Each structure stands twice: as C-alpha cells, then as structure tokens.
N, C-alpha and C. Protein backbone atom coordinates (compact mmCIF):
# COMPACT_ATOMS: atom_id res chain seq x y z
N MET A 1 113.60 75.42 93.90
CA MET A 1 112.81 76.26 92.74
C MET A 1 112.09 77.35 93.47
N ASN A 2 112.21 78.44 92.50
CA ASN A 2 111.62 79.62 93.03
C ASN A 2 110.76 80.20 91.71
N ALA A 3 110.13 81.16 91.71
CA ALA A 3 109.06 81.42 90.61
C ALA A 3 109.16 83.08 90.09
N ILE A 4 108.74 83.09 88.97
CA ILE A 4 108.61 84.62 88.44
C ILE A 4 107.22 84.56 87.64
N LEU A 5 106.42 85.47 88.04
CA LEU A 5 105.24 85.86 87.26
C LEU A 5 105.59 87.02 86.52
N ILE A 6 105.44 86.83 85.22
CA ILE A 6 105.59 87.93 84.09
C ILE A 6 104.66 87.65 82.96
N ASN A 7 104.24 89.00 82.55
CA ASN A 7 103.49 88.70 81.11
C ASN A 7 102.19 88.02 81.54
N SER A 8 101.52 88.27 82.62
CA SER A 8 100.35 87.65 83.09
C SER A 8 98.97 88.31 83.03
N ARG A 9 98.04 87.98 82.49
CA ARG A 9 96.75 88.39 82.78
C ARG A 9 95.98 87.99 84.10
N GLN A 10 96.59 87.14 84.76
CA GLN A 10 95.90 86.49 85.84
C GLN A 10 96.03 87.44 86.98
N ILE A 11 96.54 88.59 86.92
CA ILE A 11 96.74 89.70 87.87
C ILE A 11 96.50 91.04 87.30
N PRO A 12 95.70 91.83 88.05
CA PRO A 12 95.26 92.92 87.46
C PRO A 12 96.31 94.19 87.23
N PHE A 13 97.29 94.09 88.45
CA PHE A 13 98.62 94.77 88.20
C PHE A 13 99.68 94.10 89.01
N PHE A 14 100.82 94.47 88.83
CA PHE A 14 102.14 94.17 89.36
C PHE A 14 102.68 95.26 90.51
N THR A 15 102.56 94.97 91.76
CA THR A 15 102.30 93.53 92.36
C THR A 15 101.13 93.72 93.06
N ASP A 16 100.06 92.85 92.91
CA ASP A 16 98.96 92.84 93.88
C ASP A 16 99.09 91.80 94.94
N LEU A 17 99.41 92.39 96.22
CA LEU A 17 99.88 91.32 97.33
C LEU A 17 98.58 90.59 97.67
N LYS A 18 97.32 91.11 97.50
CA LYS A 18 96.22 90.31 98.02
C LYS A 18 96.00 89.25 97.38
N LEU A 19 96.31 89.05 96.03
CA LEU A 19 96.43 87.93 95.23
C LEU A 19 97.49 87.17 95.60
N VAL A 20 98.69 87.58 95.72
CA VAL A 20 99.76 86.84 96.00
C VAL A 20 99.53 86.07 97.40
N PHE A 21 99.20 86.79 98.35
CA PHE A 21 98.79 85.98 99.59
C PHE A 21 97.66 84.94 99.38
N GLU A 22 96.82 85.25 98.58
CA GLU A 22 95.60 84.18 98.26
C GLU A 22 96.18 82.98 97.68
N SER A 23 97.21 83.00 96.90
CA SER A 23 97.79 82.15 96.14
C SER A 23 98.49 81.22 97.13
N ILE A 24 99.05 81.65 98.36
CA ILE A 24 99.69 80.84 99.34
C ILE A 24 98.98 80.56 100.56
N SER A 25 97.35 80.48 100.44
CA SER A 25 96.67 80.32 101.50
C SER A 25 96.81 81.19 102.60
N ASN A 26 97.06 82.32 102.25
CA ASN A 26 97.36 83.39 103.37
C ASN A 26 98.16 82.95 104.67
N ILE A 27 99.22 82.28 104.30
CA ILE A 27 100.18 81.73 105.31
C ILE A 27 101.07 83.18 105.46
N GLN A 28 100.89 84.36 105.07
CA GLN A 28 101.79 85.13 105.39
C GLN A 28 101.57 85.80 106.68
N THR A 29 100.39 85.42 107.50
CA THR A 29 100.33 85.81 108.73
C THR A 29 101.16 85.01 109.66
N GLU A 30 101.87 84.01 109.12
CA GLU A 30 102.51 83.05 110.21
C GLU A 30 104.00 83.74 110.29
N TYR A 31 103.93 84.99 109.40
CA TYR A 31 105.68 85.34 109.67
C TYR A 31 105.43 87.00 110.06
N ASN A 32 106.50 87.40 110.44
CA ASN A 32 106.96 89.05 110.58
C ASN A 32 107.69 89.25 109.36
N TRP A 33 107.37 90.57 108.87
CA TRP A 33 107.70 90.77 107.50
C TRP A 33 108.72 92.23 107.59
N LEU A 34 109.85 92.02 107.02
CA LEU A 34 110.72 93.19 106.60
C LEU A 34 110.34 93.83 105.06
N LEU A 35 109.74 94.80 105.07
CA LEU A 35 109.49 95.70 103.80
C LEU A 35 110.70 96.75 103.61
N THR A 36 111.19 96.63 102.44
CA THR A 36 112.28 97.66 101.84
C THR A 36 112.31 98.03 100.70
N GLY A 37 112.77 99.16 100.28
CA GLY A 37 112.51 99.53 98.99
C GLY A 37 111.38 99.94 98.32
N LEU A 38 110.55 100.16 99.09
CA LEU A 38 109.03 100.47 98.61
C LEU A 38 108.79 101.72 97.62
N GLU A 39 108.05 101.44 96.52
CA GLU A 39 107.48 102.53 95.77
C GLU A 39 106.02 102.11 95.50
N LEU A 40 105.15 102.82 95.89
CA LEU A 40 103.64 102.35 95.81
C LEU A 40 102.74 103.37 95.09
N ASN A 41 101.98 102.93 94.43
CA ASN A 41 100.97 103.71 93.71
C ASN A 41 100.34 104.97 94.46
N TRP A 42 100.21 104.66 95.87
CA TRP A 42 99.81 105.64 97.07
C TRP A 42 100.09 105.29 98.30
N ILE A 43 99.99 105.96 99.18
CA ILE A 43 100.27 105.64 100.47
C ILE A 43 99.08 106.05 101.36
N PRO A 44 98.44 105.16 101.95
CA PRO A 44 97.22 105.18 102.77
C PRO A 44 97.69 105.99 104.00
N ASP A 45 96.80 107.04 104.57
CA ASP A 45 97.10 107.74 105.74
C ASP A 45 97.45 106.67 107.04
N ASP A 46 96.80 105.49 107.15
CA ASP A 46 97.14 104.91 108.14
C ASP A 46 98.55 103.81 108.21
N LEU A 47 98.84 103.90 106.99
CA LEU A 47 100.28 103.43 106.68
C LEU A 47 101.21 104.49 107.28
N LEU A 48 101.04 105.62 106.87
CA LEU A 48 101.88 106.63 107.24
C LEU A 48 101.84 106.84 108.85
N GLU A 49 100.81 106.64 109.38
CA GLU A 49 100.59 106.70 110.66
C GLU A 49 101.54 105.62 111.46
N TYR A 50 101.15 104.30 110.73
CA TYR A 50 102.14 103.08 111.07
C TYR A 50 103.75 103.66 111.28
N VAL A 51 104.09 104.09 110.08
CA VAL A 51 105.49 104.41 109.73
C VAL A 51 105.89 105.49 110.83
N GLU A 52 105.11 106.34 111.00
CA GLU A 52 105.62 107.56 112.14
C GLU A 52 105.51 106.86 113.34
N GLN A 53 104.80 105.87 113.79
CA GLN A 53 104.81 105.32 114.87
C GLN A 53 105.74 104.17 115.14
N ASN A 54 105.92 103.52 114.27
CA ASN A 54 106.94 102.09 114.16
C ASN A 54 108.20 102.17 113.44
N LEU A 55 108.40 103.35 112.64
CA LEU A 55 109.53 103.28 111.87
C LEU A 55 110.70 102.68 112.45
N ALA A 56 111.32 101.57 112.03
CA ALA A 56 112.29 100.80 112.47
C ALA A 56 113.83 101.68 112.08
N PHE A 57 113.82 102.20 110.79
CA PHE A 57 114.98 102.71 110.24
C PHE A 57 114.69 103.25 109.10
N GLU A 58 115.52 104.65 108.99
CA GLU A 58 115.07 105.25 107.76
C GLU A 58 116.71 106.01 107.42
N GLU A 59 117.20 105.55 106.00
CA GLU A 59 118.34 106.18 105.76
C GLU A 59 118.38 107.03 104.44
N ASN A 60 119.01 108.01 104.50
CA ASN A 60 119.14 108.92 103.26
C ASN A 60 117.98 108.69 102.21
N GLY A 61 116.91 109.21 102.65
CA GLY A 61 115.76 109.53 101.72
C GLY A 61 114.92 108.28 100.95
N TYR A 62 114.11 108.54 100.13
CA TYR A 62 113.25 107.87 99.50
C TYR A 62 113.58 106.51 99.01
N GLY A 63 112.91 105.56 99.40
CA GLY A 63 113.25 104.21 99.03
C GLY A 63 114.04 103.23 99.88
N ASN A 64 114.57 103.96 100.81
CA ASN A 64 115.48 103.48 101.77
C ASN A 64 114.94 103.21 102.98
N THR A 65 113.82 103.21 103.12
CA THR A 65 113.06 103.05 104.65
C THR A 65 113.09 101.67 104.66
N LYS A 66 113.20 100.94 105.62
CA LYS A 66 113.13 99.71 106.00
C LYS A 66 111.94 99.62 107.29
N LEU A 67 110.89 98.63 106.93
CA LEU A 67 109.73 98.71 108.14
C LEU A 67 109.82 96.99 108.31
N TRP A 68 109.50 96.83 109.86
CA TRP A 68 109.24 95.44 110.35
C TRP A 68 107.78 95.53 110.87
N MET A 69 106.95 94.66 110.35
CA MET A 69 105.70 94.41 110.75
C MET A 69 105.04 93.14 110.75
N THR A 70 104.28 92.89 111.72
CA THR A 70 103.45 91.41 111.56
C THR A 70 103.03 91.08 110.38
N GLY A 71 102.77 89.69 110.11
CA GLY A 71 101.87 89.33 108.96
C GLY A 71 100.30 89.80 109.15
N GLU A 72 99.99 89.92 110.24
CA GLU A 72 98.39 90.37 110.60
C GLU A 72 98.49 91.64 110.07
N GLN A 73 99.54 92.66 110.39
CA GLN A 73 99.50 94.19 110.05
C GLN A 73 99.52 94.28 108.47
N LEU A 74 100.18 93.42 107.99
CA LEU A 74 100.63 93.47 106.49
C LEU A 74 99.28 93.14 105.75
N THR A 75 98.73 92.13 106.35
CA THR A 75 97.30 91.46 105.71
C THR A 75 96.22 92.65 105.71
N ARG A 76 96.09 93.25 106.95
CA ARG A 76 95.27 94.23 107.07
C ARG A 76 95.25 95.38 106.15
N LEU A 77 96.56 95.88 105.94
CA LEU A 77 96.98 96.87 105.02
C LEU A 77 96.45 96.52 103.62
N VAL A 78 96.93 95.26 103.09
CA VAL A 78 96.66 95.02 101.75
C VAL A 78 95.26 94.66 101.22
N HIS A 79 94.52 94.22 102.39
CA HIS A 79 93.12 93.82 102.24
C HIS A 79 92.03 95.14 102.36
N ARG A 80 92.73 96.33 102.97
CA ARG A 80 92.02 97.56 103.25
C ARG A 80 92.01 98.46 102.04
N TYR A 81 93.25 98.25 101.25
CA TYR A 81 93.47 99.31 100.02
C TYR A 81 93.92 98.46 99.02
N GLU A 82 93.61 98.95 97.95
CA GLU A 82 94.25 98.54 96.63
C GLU A 82 95.43 99.19 96.20
N ILE A 83 96.39 98.65 96.99
CA ILE A 83 97.97 99.25 96.70
C ILE A 83 98.64 98.37 95.83
N GLN A 84 99.28 99.38 94.81
CA GLN A 84 100.05 98.40 93.91
C GLN A 84 101.28 98.90 94.47
N PHE A 85 102.17 97.69 94.90
CA PHE A 85 103.55 97.62 94.83
C PHE A 85 104.14 97.65 93.55
N ILE A 86 104.70 98.84 93.31
CA ILE A 86 105.62 99.15 92.17
C ILE A 86 107.00 98.44 92.24
N TRP A 87 107.68 98.89 93.18
CA TRP A 87 108.99 98.38 93.71
C TRP A 87 108.94 97.93 95.09
N GLY A 88 109.61 96.88 95.56
CA GLY A 88 109.67 96.59 96.84
C GLY A 88 110.28 95.01 97.04
N MET A 89 110.72 94.99 98.44
CA MET A 89 111.13 93.75 98.75
C MET A 89 110.31 93.39 99.92
N LEU A 90 109.75 92.30 99.95
CA LEU A 90 109.04 91.80 101.21
C LEU A 90 109.65 90.51 101.56
N MET A 91 110.26 90.52 102.78
CA MET A 91 110.71 89.16 103.42
C MET A 91 110.25 88.81 104.72
N GLY A 92 109.61 87.48 104.74
CA GLY A 92 109.13 86.84 105.64
C GLY A 92 109.78 86.12 106.72
N PHE A 93 109.81 86.31 107.89
CA PHE A 93 110.67 85.74 108.77
C PHE A 93 109.68 85.07 109.81
N GLU A 94 110.46 83.82 110.48
CA GLU A 94 109.84 83.13 111.72
C GLU A 94 109.36 84.22 112.70
N LYS A 95 108.13 84.19 113.16
CA LYS A 95 107.54 84.84 114.35
C LYS A 95 108.63 85.17 115.56
N SER A 96 109.29 84.15 115.70
CA SER A 96 110.23 84.15 116.96
C SER A 96 111.56 84.89 116.54
N GLU A 97 111.76 85.23 115.29
CA GLU A 97 112.96 86.15 114.77
C GLU A 97 112.90 87.48 115.17
N ALA A 98 113.83 87.84 116.02
CA ALA A 98 114.02 89.37 116.21
C ALA A 98 114.85 90.00 115.17
N ALA A 99 114.53 91.15 114.84
CA ALA A 99 115.36 91.88 113.94
C ALA A 99 115.73 93.40 114.49
N ASP A 100 116.99 93.44 114.25
CA ASP A 100 117.51 95.08 114.47
C ASP A 100 117.54 95.49 113.04
N VAL A 101 116.66 96.01 112.88
CA VAL A 101 116.32 96.42 111.25
C VAL A 101 117.40 97.65 111.01
N GLY A 102 117.77 98.43 111.72
CA GLY A 102 118.52 99.38 111.48
C GLY A 102 120.13 98.88 111.05
N ALA A 103 120.39 97.66 111.75
CA ALA A 103 121.85 96.89 111.47
C ALA A 103 121.71 95.97 110.34
N LEU A 104 120.60 95.82 109.70
CA LEU A 104 120.55 94.86 108.59
C LEU A 104 121.47 95.48 107.34
N ALA A 105 122.35 94.62 107.10
CA ALA A 105 123.23 94.70 106.04
C ALA A 105 122.90 94.11 104.67
N MET A 106 122.20 94.97 103.86
CA MET A 106 121.48 94.08 102.57
C MET A 106 121.19 95.40 101.87
N GLN A 107 120.84 95.03 100.51
CA GLN A 107 120.49 95.85 99.36
C GLN A 107 119.00 96.37 99.89
N SER A 108 118.91 97.64 99.60
CA SER A 108 117.75 98.27 99.97
C SER A 108 116.56 98.42 98.51
N TYR A 109 117.25 98.14 97.61
CA TYR A 109 116.49 98.32 96.21
C TYR A 109 116.24 96.95 95.68
N SER A 110 115.11 96.72 94.98
CA SER A 110 114.80 95.55 94.25
C SER A 110 115.93 95.15 93.32
N ASN A 111 116.34 96.24 92.52
CA ASN A 111 117.26 95.99 91.22
C ASN A 111 118.90 95.88 91.76
N ALA A 112 118.94 96.08 93.04
CA ALA A 112 120.52 95.92 93.71
C ALA A 112 120.97 94.50 93.84
N TYR A 113 120.25 93.65 94.04
CA TYR A 113 120.71 92.34 94.44
C TYR A 113 120.61 91.21 93.12
N GLU A 114 121.84 90.98 92.85
CA GLU A 114 121.95 89.88 91.79
C GLU A 114 121.49 88.57 91.88
N GLY A 115 121.44 88.04 93.20
CA GLY A 115 121.25 86.61 93.36
C GLY A 115 119.91 86.15 92.83
N TRP A 116 118.98 86.91 92.53
CA TRP A 116 117.56 86.39 92.07
C TRP A 116 117.75 86.11 90.55
N TRP A 117 118.90 86.76 89.91
CA TRP A 117 119.08 86.45 88.54
C TRP A 117 120.36 85.48 88.18
N GLN A 118 120.74 84.78 89.10
CA GLN A 118 121.87 83.57 88.79
C GLN A 118 120.88 82.48 88.30
N LEU A 119 121.40 81.58 87.75
CA LEU A 119 121.28 80.40 87.16
C LEU A 119 120.72 79.42 88.43
N GLU A 120 121.12 79.68 89.73
CA GLU A 120 120.39 79.09 90.84
C GLU A 120 120.18 80.35 91.72
N SER A 121 118.91 80.71 91.60
CA SER A 121 118.64 82.05 92.17
C SER A 121 118.55 81.42 93.56
N THR A 122 118.79 82.88 94.43
CA THR A 122 118.93 82.72 95.97
C THR A 122 118.13 83.81 96.71
N MET A 123 117.63 83.55 97.62
CA MET A 123 117.08 84.60 98.41
C MET A 123 118.19 85.61 99.03
N GLN A 124 117.85 86.84 99.25
CA GLN A 124 118.69 87.85 99.77
C GLN A 124 119.25 87.71 101.16
N HIS A 125 118.01 87.55 102.07
CA HIS A 125 118.42 87.40 103.44
C HIS A 125 118.40 85.93 103.98
N PRO A 126 119.49 85.49 104.69
CA PRO A 126 119.39 84.12 104.92
C PRO A 126 118.52 83.47 105.89
N LYS A 127 118.04 84.20 106.89
CA LYS A 127 116.89 83.92 107.61
C LYS A 127 115.67 84.04 107.26
N ALA A 128 115.28 84.71 105.99
CA ALA A 128 114.14 84.77 105.45
C ALA A 128 113.59 83.54 105.23
N LYS A 129 112.27 83.35 105.23
CA LYS A 129 111.68 82.09 104.68
C LYS A 129 111.24 82.25 103.49
N ILE A 130 110.50 83.51 103.12
CA ILE A 130 109.71 83.89 101.91
C ILE A 130 110.38 85.18 101.45
N GLU A 131 110.47 85.41 100.21
CA GLU A 131 110.65 86.68 99.65
C GLU A 131 109.68 87.00 98.29
N VAL A 132 109.23 88.14 98.49
CA VAL A 132 108.09 88.61 97.46
C VAL A 132 109.06 89.79 96.91
N ILE A 133 109.27 89.76 95.49
CA ILE A 133 109.90 90.97 94.92
C ILE A 133 108.90 91.55 93.98
N CYS A 134 108.72 92.88 94.16
CA CYS A 134 107.96 93.65 93.40
C CYS A 134 108.87 94.42 92.40
N TRP A 135 108.84 94.30 91.08
CA TRP A 135 109.77 94.69 90.07
C TRP A 135 109.02 95.69 89.15
N ASP A 136 109.32 96.75 89.46
CA ASP A 136 108.85 98.04 88.26
C ASP A 136 107.57 97.74 87.73
N SER A 137 106.70 97.16 88.34
CA SER A 137 105.20 97.16 87.81
C SER A 137 105.11 96.29 86.61
N THR A 138 106.14 95.31 86.48
CA THR A 138 106.26 94.40 85.46
C THR A 138 106.32 93.00 85.63
N LEU A 139 106.86 92.69 86.77
CA LEU A 139 106.67 91.21 87.47
C LEU A 139 106.79 91.22 88.62
N THR A 140 106.78 89.70 89.26
CA THR A 140 106.74 89.63 90.72
C THR A 140 107.67 88.32 90.88
N LEU A 141 108.54 88.26 91.61
CA LEU A 141 109.42 87.20 92.19
C LEU A 141 108.95 86.74 93.33
N PHE A 142 109.00 85.40 93.26
CA PHE A 142 108.46 84.56 94.59
C PHE A 142 109.34 83.51 94.92
N LEU A 143 110.15 83.85 96.32
CA LEU A 143 110.99 82.99 96.53
C LEU A 143 110.64 82.14 97.98
N SER A 144 110.92 80.86 98.47
CA SER A 144 110.50 80.47 99.51
C SER A 144 111.38 79.31 99.69
N LYS A 145 111.94 79.11 100.98
CA LYS A 145 112.49 77.91 101.50
C LYS A 145 111.76 76.63 101.39
N ASP A 146 110.39 76.87 101.71
CA ASP A 146 109.40 75.72 101.51
C ASP A 146 108.91 75.81 100.17
N GLN A 147 109.26 74.55 99.51
CA GLN A 147 108.85 74.32 98.02
C GLN A 147 107.43 74.12 97.91
N THR A 148 106.57 73.62 98.94
CA THR A 148 105.07 73.69 98.78
C THR A 148 104.55 74.89 98.65
N VAL A 149 105.23 75.83 99.26
CA VAL A 149 104.58 77.31 99.17
C VAL A 149 104.94 77.83 97.68
N VAL A 150 106.00 77.53 97.01
CA VAL A 150 106.22 78.02 95.85
C VAL A 150 105.47 77.20 94.86
N GLN A 151 105.15 75.76 94.83
CA GLN A 151 104.22 75.24 94.39
C GLN A 151 102.72 75.80 94.32
N SER A 152 102.41 76.00 95.52
CA SER A 152 101.05 76.77 95.67
C SER A 152 101.15 78.07 94.89
N PHE A 153 101.98 78.92 94.92
CA PHE A 153 101.80 80.19 94.15
C PHE A 153 101.79 79.59 92.52
N LYS A 154 102.69 78.62 92.20
CA LYS A 154 102.51 78.43 90.67
C LYS A 154 101.33 77.79 90.37
N ALA A 155 100.77 77.07 91.11
CA ALA A 155 99.57 76.47 90.82
C ALA A 155 98.23 77.47 90.71
N TYR A 156 98.50 78.52 91.47
CA TYR A 156 97.41 79.53 91.42
C TYR A 156 97.62 80.56 90.22
N PHE A 157 98.82 80.85 90.00
CA PHE A 157 99.16 81.65 88.93
C PHE A 157 99.58 80.72 87.74
N LYS A 158 98.72 80.30 86.87
CA LYS A 158 99.28 79.17 85.86
C LYS A 158 100.24 79.71 85.20
N ASP A 159 100.38 81.18 84.71
CA ASP A 159 101.49 81.89 84.07
C ASP A 159 103.02 81.83 84.74
N ALA A 160 102.89 81.67 86.15
CA ALA A 160 104.04 81.66 86.66
C ALA A 160 105.05 80.42 86.03
N ARG A 161 106.17 81.12 86.16
CA ARG A 161 107.40 80.01 85.63
C ARG A 161 108.35 79.74 86.67
N ASP A 162 109.20 78.66 86.46
CA ASP A 162 110.52 78.33 87.48
C ASP A 162 111.13 79.58 87.22
N LEU A 163 111.76 80.31 88.14
CA LEU A 163 113.00 81.34 88.08
C LEU A 163 114.14 80.90 87.68
N ASP A 164 114.51 79.56 87.90
CA ASP A 164 115.88 79.43 87.34
C ASP A 164 115.99 78.94 86.02
N GLU A 165 114.84 78.51 85.68
CA GLU A 165 114.59 78.09 84.15
C GLU A 165 114.52 79.31 83.34
N TYR A 166 113.93 80.41 83.94
CA TYR A 166 113.82 81.68 83.28
C TYR A 166 115.22 82.29 83.12
N ASN A 167 115.79 82.29 84.28
CA ASN A 167 117.30 82.67 84.15
C ASN A 167 118.19 81.97 83.35
N PHE A 168 118.04 80.84 83.23
CA PHE A 168 118.78 79.93 81.99
C PHE A 168 118.64 80.59 80.66
N GLU A 169 117.21 80.44 80.23
CA GLU A 169 116.88 80.93 78.96
C GLU A 169 117.55 82.40 78.81
N ALA A 170 117.43 83.35 79.79
CA ALA A 170 117.88 84.84 79.44
C ALA A 170 119.51 84.66 79.44
N SER A 171 120.11 83.91 79.94
CA SER A 171 121.59 83.57 79.73
C SER A 171 121.75 83.20 78.58
N ASN A 172 121.24 82.30 77.84
CA ASN A 172 121.42 81.90 76.47
C ASN A 172 121.00 82.60 75.45
N ARG A 173 120.22 83.83 75.66
CA ARG A 173 119.95 84.79 74.63
C ARG A 173 120.85 86.05 74.69
N VAL A 174 121.76 85.82 75.59
CA VAL A 174 122.99 86.91 75.56
C VAL A 174 123.97 86.29 74.32
C-alpha cells in the first residue's frame, strides 16, 4: 500500500516537506536522498551553494539536475526555509547505499514515470526505500517499502488515501 494526499486542507501547500517528514517521525534522517526533477517556489542561497559544491550530475537544462544529499542536509534545508516543492522526486536510500548519480537511468520528471498510476503502484527506483513525489502543487505521492511508514503518513494526514484504491477508481472513470 502507498498513499496519495490530494485536495487536503491539512497541508498549507503542496508539497510541504516539513510536514511530510513530521508525519513519519522524521525518519528521513536515516536515509540518503536523491532529488531530481525539482521545481521550487524559490531557491535559497545556501541550496545554490550546496549545488555548486556538490552537484552530482546535470543534464540538458532546467529540471534535469540530480542531487544526492544526506537526510540531515535535507532536513536542515526544509526546516530553515519554507520551500514549496512544486514538482520533484525525492527518493530515500539506505545510508550504506552508494550512488553514481550520473549513471542513474531513470525518469527525471515526476510526470514521466507511469508506475505510480498503475493499479498496483510501484516505486521508480528498485533500491529506494521511500519515495516522495511532488506533483504540480496539487498532490503528494508517498511510497515506502516499509508499510508502517505509509501507515504513519496516512495517520497524520487523515485525508491521505490508498494510492492503489485511488488508481482503481480513476481507471473505472475512463
């Protein structure tokens, strides 16, 4: 089971990662994170500094940047600033996982991966433990291989729905 948060007044804007992380008891610090396909309402100077110093890979322009950062770095970023993640994919990996970010063969844009919208939704990266998908300021997808984490997200956000049920209902509307 995975979750979708849509049409909710429980979150001031999509996607407020501070609240998403709060919903999962801040376990994001236990992971390293791959961020890609980002579109933000603004980019803080220290994020730009981080990108300049640690940019793992950049391909053909806006939105294709892939960043690898620790959960602690990501947490500091979202707690220091009120950043709206308009578009983006955030994938959490075990701390022991090494990533050759430049060699990753994956979709760089949130709307390019169809696995989230199938009747049995799937995570994009096979080694990721958690995926948070920020979808055009309208919804947040939350996927995890640990179902207790998904349950925690759904318990915090009472408006969150089972993603597979949502996809089933959507397929019957066609």
